[in-house]
């Protein structure tokens, strides 16, 4: 026989094996059904008439086996859930999805952290497409992982959504949560169908932009709208109603993941950890913002300008992205961690594109910033919030990749008194943490 004919990579062979396994599974289901077992009793009795007298006993045995199996299932359920009559438990399930970056994930984790602080007895479960399950476990929460559809080669949504639906339904059936919280770019149809099949769950979607209506290309009749949409604002948002068709909207302040609320590490401790001089001026440059990685020319544009001043540079990169190229410079540090905000006390200012997450994180941590709006994925809302921050005196803006303007802006922010003025102005921009507001809302409504 020629070697390699039955190679496991052969598509036709794999397809045949998959079909065979599917048929075997269906056959086992049929053979284990009560109808099949009951019909088998009569068929065998007619094949061998002397077995007719045993029909009543066989039926009674089948009935007792069925009752015993059902009793076992009830006992198992009571061992996990407690009383069988308890329909929903004190449990919140979070489902954050991120194509790139950590914006949705961080918001969910921040709210979960606040719920846990308010009510340590509340069970918190995560379902996520993110690969960084160790982060969730570090915060003390169990997590289920389902790979993103794009992790597979050419998997269509018609295949991935049923998998997602079954996965979510399994988690909801096992944990019986009172609340389901979703935070993602768009609603997955598999999630919508799973929620539609689960009654008695208070469903919440955290969504920054609710002006765009949901578009579902599949059966809309089976979809279940969320009970409430939470819209976290920006520091200048007055939470005014927009032209949205969604009625149940809860407006909150920006949601922030705060790692150290008690006894945070000092500026000196962080600088010692990173090997930075205590008296140096340090700038933070985030390599990736909201899934957008700085292009080589954009990074070179910034680094070339920083070489003209006496400054140390810390480049932060996402733990899910590709690693930054090696730089032969004693004054540059590259950190790959989450959350990067744990290092913010060591920095004097930052240079960023001004995406939603990095923008209000800078304000929350009072870190003066130079914004270059032409970097990254632009939007009208981003330009608007940067403009308002500049008007307040907390940020500086560089329009376009202008070396002259960037050099002048860096020289301006290198002045310690100018940075002090920026720090003073940000005090009036601080807002409460929206995570406190969302967690309080959830606990009050279950």
Protein backbone atom coordinates (compact mmCIF):
# COMPACT_ATOMS: atom_id res chain seq x y z
CA UNK A 1 0.00 0.00 0.00
CA UNK A 2 1.33 3.41 -0.94
CA UNK A 3 2.46 5.43 2.06
CA UNK A 4 0.43 8.53 2.84
CA UNK A 5 -2.85 7.48 1.21
CA UNK A 6 -4.64 7.64 4.55
CA UNK A 7 -2.94 10.78 5.79
CA UNK A 8 -5.05 12.44 8.52
CA UNK A 9 -4.84 15.78 6.76
CA UNK A 10 -6.89 14.46 3.84
CA UNK A 11 -10.12 16.49 3.74
CA UNK A 12 -12.32 13.73 2.35
CA UNK A 13 -11.15 11.27 5.00
CA UNK A 14 -11.68 13.80 7.78
CA UNK A 15 -15.13 14.55 6.43
CA UNK A 16 -16.00 10.84 6.38
CA UNK A 17 -14.79 10.42 9.95
CA UNK A 18 -16.79 13.42 11.08
CA UNK A 19 -19.94 12.07 9.44
CA UNK A 20 -19.34 8.64 10.97
CA UNK A 21 -18.95 10.11 14.46
CA UNK A 22 -22.11 12.14 13.94
CA UNK A 23 -24.07 9.03 12.91
CA UNK A 24 -22.74 7.08 15.90
CA UNK A 25 -23.79 9.89 18.23
CA UNK A 26 -27.31 9.96 16.78
CA UNK A 27 -27.51 6.16 16.98
CA UNK A 28 -26.55 6.21 20.66
CA UNK A 29 -29.23 8.82 21.33
CA UNK A 30 -31.87 6.66 19.64
CA UNK A 31 -30.81 3.47 21.42
CA UNK A 32 -30.87 5.22 24.82
CA UNK A 33 -34.33 6.70 24.28
CA UNK A 34 -37.29 5.31 26.24
CA UNK A 35 -39.30 4.84 23.05
CA UNK A 36 -36.63 2.63 21.49
CA UNK A 37 -36.23 0.53 24.64
CA UNK A 38 -39.99 0.07 24.99
CA UNK A 39 -40.41 -0.93 21.35
CA UNK A 40 -37.50 -3.38 21.71
CA UNK A 41 -39.38 -5.18 24.51
CA UNK A 42 -42.37 -5.82 22.23
CA UNK A 43 -40.30 -6.71 19.15
CA UNK A 44 -38.30 -9.34 21.03
CA UNK A 45 -41.47 -10.75 22.58
CA UNK A 46 -43.08 -11.23 19.16
CA UNK A 47 -39.88 -12.79 17.82
CA UNK A 48 -39.92 -15.25 20.72
CA UNK A 49 -43.52 -15.69 21.94
CA UNK A 50 -42.43 -17.29 25.21
CA UNK A 51 -41.15 -13.82 26.27
CA UNK A 52 -44.68 -12.37 26.15
CA UNK A 53 -45.26 -13.27 29.79
CA UNK A 54 -42.26 -11.11 30.78
CA UNK A 55 -43.55 -7.93 29.09
CA UNK A 56 -45.16 -6.47 32.27
CA UNK A 57 -42.00 -7.12 34.29
CA UNK A 58 -39.74 -5.62 31.59
CA UNK A 59 -41.92 -2.51 31.36
CA UNK A 60 -41.85 -2.14 35.15
CA UNK A 61 -38.05 -2.51 35.15
CA UNK A 62 -37.72 0.13 32.42
CA UNK A 63 -39.97 2.47 34.41
CA UNK A 64 -37.96 2.01 37.62
CA UNK A 65 -34.68 2.59 35.78
CA UNK A 66 -36.06 5.82 34.34
CA UNK A 67 -37.23 7.04 37.76
CA UNK A 68 -33.89 6.13 39.36
CA UNK A 69 -31.94 7.98 36.66
CA UNK A 70 -34.13 11.07 37.07
CA UNK A 71 -33.65 10.94 40.85
CA UNK A 72 -29.88 10.84 40.36
CA UNK A 73 -30.05 13.95 38.16
CA UNK A 74 -32.10 15.79 40.81
CA UNK A 75 -29.57 14.86 43.50
CA UNK A 76 -26.71 16.11 41.33
CA UNK A 77 -28.51 19.39 40.72
CA UNK A 78 -29.21 19.84 44.43
CA UNK A 79 -25.56 19.18 45.24
CA UNK A 80 -24.52 22.06 42.96
CA UNK A 81 -27.35 24.57 43.20
CA UNK A 82 -28.69 23.83 46.67
CA UNK A 83 -32.48 23.64 46.68
CA UNK A 84 -34.01 22.43 43.45
CA UNK A 85 -36.71 25.12 43.63
CA UNK A 86 -34.14 27.91 43.42
CA UNK A 87 -34.34 29.08 39.80
CA UNK A 88 -31.71 31.81 39.75
CA UNK A 89 -28.63 32.15 41.91
CA UNK A 90 -26.64 35.17 43.10
CA UNK A 91 -24.41 35.08 40.07
CA UNK A 92 -23.35 37.53 37.35
CA UNK A 93 -21.98 36.32 34.00
CA UNK A 94 -19.78 38.71 32.00
CA UNK A 95 -19.19 38.23 28.28
CA UNK A 96 -16.56 40.70 26.96
CA UNK A 97 -15.32 40.31 23.40
CA UNK A 98 -12.39 42.16 21.85
CA UNK A 99 -11.12 41.82 18.32
CA UNK A 100 -7.97 43.67 19.36
CA UNK A 101 -6.99 45.53 22.48
CA UNK A 102 -8.56 45.40 25.93
CA UNK A 103 -11.19 48.15 25.97
CA UNK A 104 -14.27 45.92 26.41
CA UNK A 105 -12.43 43.42 28.56
CA UNK A 106 -11.13 46.11 30.93
CA UNK A 107 -14.58 47.63 31.44
CA UNK A 108 -16.10 44.26 32.31
CA UNK A 109 -13.25 43.42 34.66
CA UNK A 110 -13.58 46.82 36.37
CA UNK A 111 -17.31 46.32 37.00
CA UNK A 112 -16.76 42.74 38.20
CA UNK A 113 -14.08 43.94 40.60
CA UNK A 114 -16.44 46.53 42.10
CA UNK A 115 -19.28 44.00 42.45
CA UNK A 116 -16.92 41.66 44.27
CA UNK A 117 -15.89 44.46 46.64
CA UNK A 118 -19.51 45.35 47.41
CA UNK A 119 -20.76 41.77 47.70
CA UNK A 120 -18.03 39.11 48.08
CA UNK A 121 -20.71 36.39 48.13
CA UNK A 122 -21.81 37.19 44.59
CA UNK A 123 -20.49 34.59 42.16
CA UNK A 124 -18.84 36.16 39.12
CA UNK A 125 -18.25 34.13 35.96
CA UNK A 126 -16.53 35.21 32.75
CA UNK A 127 -17.07 33.93 29.23
CA UNK A 128 -14.63 35.51 26.83
CA UNK A 129 -12.97 35.22 23.45
CA UNK A 130 -9.79 36.74 24.92
CA UNK A 131 -6.81 34.43 25.31
CA UNK A 132 -5.54 36.09 28.49
CA UNK A 133 -7.44 33.93 30.95
CA UNK A 134 -4.62 34.25 33.47
CA UNK A 135 -5.56 37.92 33.96
CA UNK A 136 -9.11 37.01 35.01
CA UNK A 137 -7.78 34.31 37.31
CA UNK A 138 -5.36 36.80 38.89
CA UNK A 139 -8.41 38.83 39.93
CA UNK A 140 -9.98 35.72 41.43
CA UNK A 141 -12.71 35.03 38.85
CA UNK A 142 -13.26 31.72 37.01
CA UNK A 143 -13.51 31.99 33.24
CA UNK A 144 -14.74 30.01 30.26
CA UNK A 145 -12.95 30.53 26.96
CA UNK A 146 -14.30 30.18 23.45
CA UNK A 147 -11.92 31.05 20.60
CA UNK A 148 -12.81 33.98 18.39
CA UNK A 149 -14.18 33.05 14.99
CA UNK A 150 -11.15 34.61 13.32
CA UNK A 151 -8.92 32.15 15.19
CA UNK A 152 -10.09 29.49 12.75
CA UNK A 153 -9.35 29.28 9.05
CA UNK A 154 -12.30 30.62 7.06
CA UNK A 155 -14.94 29.62 9.62
CA UNK A 156 -18.25 31.22 8.59
CA UNK A 157 -20.55 32.88 11.13
CA UNK A 158 -23.20 30.26 10.32
CA UNK A 159 -20.90 27.67 11.92
CA UNK A 160 -19.41 29.72 14.76
CA UNK A 161 -22.66 31.23 16.06
CA UNK A 162 -24.34 27.86 16.85
CA UNK A 163 -21.17 26.85 18.73
CA UNK A 164 -21.29 30.11 20.68
CA UNK A 165 -25.00 29.66 21.39
CA UNK A 166 -24.54 26.16 22.78
CA UNK A 167 -21.54 27.27 24.85
CA UNK A 168 -23.37 30.20 26.45
CA UNK A 169 -26.50 28.12 27.06
CA UNK A 170 -24.37 25.51 28.83
CA UNK A 171 -22.87 28.14 31.14
CA UNK A 172 -26.25 29.73 31.84
CA UNK A 173 -27.86 26.36 32.57
CA UNK A 174 -25.07 25.31 34.92
CA UNK A 175 -24.67 28.55 36.89
CA UNK A 176 -28.23 29.93 36.70
CA UNK A 177 -27.15 33.60 36.89
CA UNK A 178 -29.46 36.48 37.68
CA UNK A 179 -27.53 38.91 35.45
CA UNK A 180 -25.78 38.66 32.08
CA UNK A 181 -23.47 41.54 31.05
CA UNK A 182 -22.17 41.89 27.49
CA UNK A 183 -19.50 44.32 26.28
CA UNK A 184 -18.33 44.09 22.68
CA UNK A 185 -18.22 45.80 19.31
CA UNK A 186 -21.36 44.08 18.05
CA UNK A 187 -23.92 41.57 19.26
CA UNK A 188 -23.24 38.01 18.15
CA UNK A 189 -26.31 36.19 16.89
CA UNK A 190 -25.37 33.06 18.84
CA UNK A 191 -25.41 35.09 22.05
CA UNK A 192 -28.77 36.67 21.17
CA UNK A 193 -30.36 33.25 20.60
CA UNK A 194 -28.88 31.85 23.82
CA UNK A 195 -30.35 34.74 25.82
CA UNK A 196 -33.69 34.37 24.05
CA UNK A 197 -33.81 30.74 25.20
CA UNK A 198 -33.02 31.64 28.83
CA UNK A 199 -35.80 33.20 30.87
CA UNK A 200 -35.49 35.22 34.05
CA UNK A 201 -32.06 36.73 33.38
CA UNK A 202 -31.53 40.50 33.67
CA UNK A 203 -29.51 41.34 30.55
CA UNK A 204 -27.22 44.37 30.27
CA UNK A 205 -25.10 45.64 27.41
CA UNK A 206 -22.24 48.08 28.02
CA UNK A 207 -21.88 50.11 24.86
CA UNK A 208 -20.23 53.48 24.28
CA UNK A 209 -21.92 54.28 20.98
CA UNK A 210 -25.63 53.45 20.86
CA UNK A 211 -26.54 55.70 17.95
CA UNK A 212 -26.13 52.87 15.46
CA UNK A 213 -28.94 50.33 15.37
CA UNK A 214 -28.16 46.65 15.58
CA UNK A 215 -28.13 44.88 12.24
CA UNK A 216 -28.73 41.13 12.31
CA UNK A 217 -28.74 39.27 9.03
CA UNK A 218 -30.37 36.17 10.49
CA UNK A 219 -33.77 35.40 12.02
CA UNK A 220 -34.72 38.58 13.91
CA UNK A 221 -37.82 37.04 15.46
CA UNK A 222 -35.71 34.90 17.81
CA UNK A 223 -33.63 37.83 19.04
CA UNK A 224 -34.06 39.17 22.56
CA UNK A 225 -33.22 42.82 23.22
CA UNK A 226 -31.17 43.73 26.26
CA UNK A 227 -33.12 44.94 29.25
CA UNK A 228 -30.73 47.86 29.79
CA UNK A 229 -27.93 49.49 27.82
CA UNK A 230 -25.21 51.15 29.91
CA UNK A 231 -23.45 54.00 28.16
CA UNK A 232 -20.20 55.07 29.85
CA UNK A 233 -19.46 58.71 29.07
CA UNK A 234 -16.31 60.71 28.58
CA UNK A 235 -15.13 63.35 31.08
CA UNK A 236 -16.89 66.14 29.19
CA UNK A 237 -20.10 64.25 28.44
CA UNK A 238 -23.12 65.73 30.18
CA UNK A 239 -24.98 62.44 29.61
CA UNK A 240 -27.50 64.08 27.32
CA UNK A 241 -29.93 61.82 25.50
CA UNK A 242 -28.98 61.08 21.92
CA UNK A 243 -31.17 60.07 19.00
CA UNK A 244 -31.25 56.39 19.92
CA UNK A 245 -34.12 53.99 19.51
CA UNK A 246 -33.11 52.25 22.74
CA UNK A 247 -35.27 53.40 25.64
CA UNK A 248 -33.65 51.79 28.70
CA UNK A 249 -30.32 53.61 28.71
CA UNK A 250 -28.24 54.20 31.84
CA UNK A 251 -25.61 56.92 31.51
CA UNK A 252 -22.50 56.68 33.68
CA UNK A 253 -19.08 58.25 34.02
CA UNK A 254 -16.08 56.58 32.32
CA UNK A 255 -15.41 53.05 33.60
CA UNK A 256 -11.88 52.63 34.92
CA UNK A 257 -10.02 49.53 36.05
CA UNK A 258 -8.20 50.67 39.19
CA UNK A 259 -5.71 48.06 40.32
CA UNK A 260 -4.37 49.67 43.49
CA UNK A 261 -7.04 51.46 45.50
CA UNK A 262 -5.25 50.90 48.79
CA UNK A 263 -1.48 51.26 49.29
CA UNK A 264 -0.49 51.80 45.64
CA UNK A 265 3.22 51.50 44.80
CA UNK A 266 5.12 54.77 44.99
CA UNK A 267 6.78 56.62 42.13
CA UNK A 268 10.18 55.68 43.53
CA UNK A 269 9.32 51.96 43.75
CA UNK A 270 8.10 51.79 40.15
CA UNK A 271 11.13 53.66 38.83
CA UNK A 272 13.44 51.32 40.70
CA UNK A 273 11.58 48.37 39.20
CA UNK A 274 12.01 49.75 35.67
CA UNK A 275 15.58 50.90 36.22
CA UNK A 276 14.78 54.60 35.75
CA UNK A 277 16.64 57.47 37.48
CA UNK A 278 14.60 59.12 40.21
CA UNK A 279 15.37 62.65 38.98
CA UNK A 280 14.81 61.97 35.26
CA UNK A 281 11.92 63.16 33.09
CA UNK A 282 10.12 60.07 31.80
CA UNK A 283 7.68 59.89 28.89
CA UNK A 284 5.30 56.99 28.27
CA UNK A 285 4.57 55.88 24.72
CA UNK A 286 1.92 53.20 24.19
CA UNK A 287 2.73 51.07 21.17
CA UNK A 288 -0.86 49.88 20.71
CA UNK A 289 -4.07 51.85 21.22
CA UNK A 290 -7.45 50.19 20.94
CA UNK A 291 -6.04 47.49 18.67
CA UNK A 292 -4.11 49.92 16.44
CA UNK A 293 -0.35 49.40 16.46
CA UNK A 294 1.87 52.36 15.65
CA UNK A 295 3.43 52.16 12.22
CA UNK A 296 7.21 52.15 11.96
CA UNK A 297 7.26 55.65 10.48
CA UNK A 298 4.97 56.94 13.25
CA UNK A 299 7.13 55.43 15.97
CA UNK A 300 10.30 56.75 14.33
CA UNK A 301 8.70 60.19 14.01
CA UNK A 302 8.10 60.32 17.78
CA UNK A 303 11.39 58.73 18.87
CA UNK A 304 13.43 61.05 16.63
CA UNK A 305 11.79 64.07 18.26
CA UNK A 306 12.39 62.73 21.78
CA UNK A 307 16.10 62.21 21.08
CA UNK A 308 16.49 66.00 20.95
CA UNK A 309 15.61 66.43 24.64
CA UNK A 310 16.88 65.00 27.92
CA UNK A 311 14.21 62.37 28.51
CA UNK A 312 13.86 58.67 29.31
CA UNK A 313 11.32 56.67 27.29
CA UNK A 314 9.06 53.81 28.36
CA UNK A 315 7.22 51.99 25.56
CA UNK A 316 4.19 49.97 26.63
CA UNK A 317 2.97 47.15 24.42
CA UNK A 318 -0.10 44.95 24.58
CA UNK A 319 0.31 41.42 25.89
CA UNK A 320 -1.77 40.07 22.99
CA UNK A 321 0.10 41.84 20.19
CA UNK A 322 3.44 41.22 18.55
CA UNK A 323 6.53 42.19 20.49
CA UNK A 324 8.28 45.47 19.90
CA UNK A 325 11.50 45.39 17.91
CA UNK A 326 14.75 45.50 19.85
CA UNK A 327 16.08 49.01 20.39
CA UNK A 328 19.71 49.60 21.20
CA UNK A 329 19.20 52.58 23.47
CA UNK A 330 20.00 52.69 27.18
CA UNK A 331 17.28 55.27 27.79
CA UNK A 332 14.41 53.20 26.39
CA UNK A 333 12.46 50.62 28.40
CA UNK A 334 9.85 48.29 26.90
CA UNK A 335 7.18 46.84 29.20
CA UNK A 336 4.68 44.15 28.26
CA UNK A 337 2.09 43.89 31.00
CA UNK A 338 -1.56 44.39 31.95
CA UNK A 339 -2.80 46.81 33.02
CA UNK A 340 -0.13 49.28 31.98
CA UNK A 341 -1.71 51.88 34.25
CA UNK A 342 0.07 50.28 37.21
CA UNK A 343 3.23 52.07 36.00
CA UNK A 344 1.64 55.50 35.44
CA UNK A 345 2.86 57.10 38.71
CA UNK A 346 6.43 56.83 37.39
CA UNK A 347 5.76 58.91 34.25
CA UNK A 348 5.80 62.68 33.72
CA UNK A 349 3.82 62.82 30.48
CA UNK A 350 2.64 60.65 27.61
CA UNK A 351 2.37 60.85 23.83
CA UNK A 352 -0.71 59.14 22.39
CA UNK A 353 -3.22 59.01 19.55
CA UNK A 354 -6.09 59.74 21.92
CA UNK A 355 -8.32 56.67 21.59
CA UNK A 356 -11.23 56.48 24.02
CA UNK A 357 -9.52 54.18 26.52
CA UNK A 358 -6.09 55.84 26.63
CA UNK A 359 -7.64 59.31 26.59
CA UNK A 360 -9.73 59.10 29.75
CA UNK A 361 -7.16 56.82 31.42
CA UNK A 362 -4.70 59.69 31.08
CA UNK A 363 -7.21 62.03 32.70
CA UNK A 364 -8.09 59.60 35.48
CA UNK A 365 -4.41 59.19 36.40
CA UNK A 366 -3.59 62.90 35.87
CA UNK A 367 -0.92 62.14 33.28
CA UNK A 368 -0.33 65.16 30.96
CA UNK A 369 -0.50 64.19 27.31
CA UNK A 370 0.51 65.18 23.81
CA UNK A 371 -2.13 63.97 21.35
CA UNK A 372 -1.43 63.26 17.69
CA UNK A 373 -4.94 62.64 16.24
CA UNK A 374 -3.64 61.66 12.79
CA UNK A 375 -2.21 58.46 14.32
CA UNK A 376 -4.52 55.49 14.68
CA UNK A 377 -8.15 55.13 13.71
CA UNK A 378 -9.69 58.58 13.55
CA UNK A 379 -13.23 59.54 14.48
CA UNK A 380 -15.27 62.67 14.98
CA UNK A 381 -15.82 61.89 18.67
CA UNK A 382 -12.07 61.48 19.26
CA UNK A 383 -11.27 64.84 17.68
CA UNK A 384 -14.02 66.46 19.74
CA UNK A 385 -12.83 65.17 23.12
CA UNK A 386 -9.18 66.00 22.37
CA UNK A 387 -10.15 69.53 21.41
CA UNK A 388 -12.03 70.00 24.68
CA UNK A 389 -9.10 68.64 26.71
CA UNK A 390 -6.77 71.08 24.95
CA UNK A 391 -9.16 73.93 25.74
CA UNK A 392 -9.10 72.93 29.41
CA UNK A 393 -5.30 73.17 29.35
CA UNK A 394 -4.57 69.55 30.23
CA UNK A 395 -3.41 68.29 26.83
CA UNK A 396 -1.36 69.50 23.89
CA UNK A 397 -2.16 68.64 20.29
CA UNK A 398 0.04 68.07 17.24
CA UNK A 399 -1.80 68.22 13.92
CA UNK A 400 -0.25 65.90 11.39
CA UNK A 401 3.25 64.47 11.41
CA UNK A 402 4.86 67.89 11.68
CA UNK A 403 8.39 67.66 13.10
CA UNK A 404 8.53 71.37 13.85
CA UNK A 405 5.25 71.38 15.77
CA UNK A 406 6.06 68.17 17.67
CA UNK A 407 9.52 69.43 18.66
CA UNK A 408 8.03 72.68 19.93
CA UNK A 409 5.28 70.86 21.86
CA UNK A 410 7.76 68.45 23.49
CA UNK A 411 9.98 71.38 24.47
CA UNK A 412 6.93 73.04 26.04
CA UNK A 413 5.87 70.00 28.07
CA UNK A 414 9.44 69.32 29.21
CA UNK A 415 9.17 72.48 31.32
CA UNK A 416 8.28 71.39 34.85
CA UNK A 417 6.11 74.44 35.53
CA UNK A 418 4.09 73.83 32.37
CA UNK A 419 3.45 70.24 33.46
CA UNK A 420 2.42 71.50 36.89
CA UNK A 421 -0.12 73.80 35.24
CA UNK A 422 -1.48 70.83 33.29
CA UNK A 423 -1.75 68.77 36.49
CA UNK A 424 -3.63 71.60 38.16
CA UNK A 425 -6.12 71.84 35.29
CA UNK A 426 -6.94 68.12 35.23
CA UNK A 427 -8.29 68.26 38.78
CA UNK A 428 -11.43 69.92 37.43
CA UNK A 429 -11.85 67.18 34.82
CA UNK A 430 -11.87 64.22 37.19
CA UNK A 431 -15.11 62.27 37.40
CA UNK A 432 -16.25 59.40 39.63
CA UNK A 433 -15.41 55.91 38.43
CA UNK A 434 -18.29 54.60 36.33
CA UNK A 435 -17.50 51.07 37.53
CA UNK A 436 -18.89 52.04 40.95
CA UNK A 437 -22.08 53.30 39.34
CA UNK A 438 -22.61 50.23 37.13
CA UNK A 439 -21.88 47.75 39.93
CA UNK A 440 -24.29 49.59 42.22
CA UNK A 441 -26.97 49.55 39.53
CA UNK A 442 -26.57 45.80 38.99
CA UNK A 443 -26.76 44.93 42.69
CA UNK A 444 -29.80 47.15 43.19
CA UNK A 445 -31.73 45.46 40.38
CA UNK A 446 -31.30 41.78 41.22
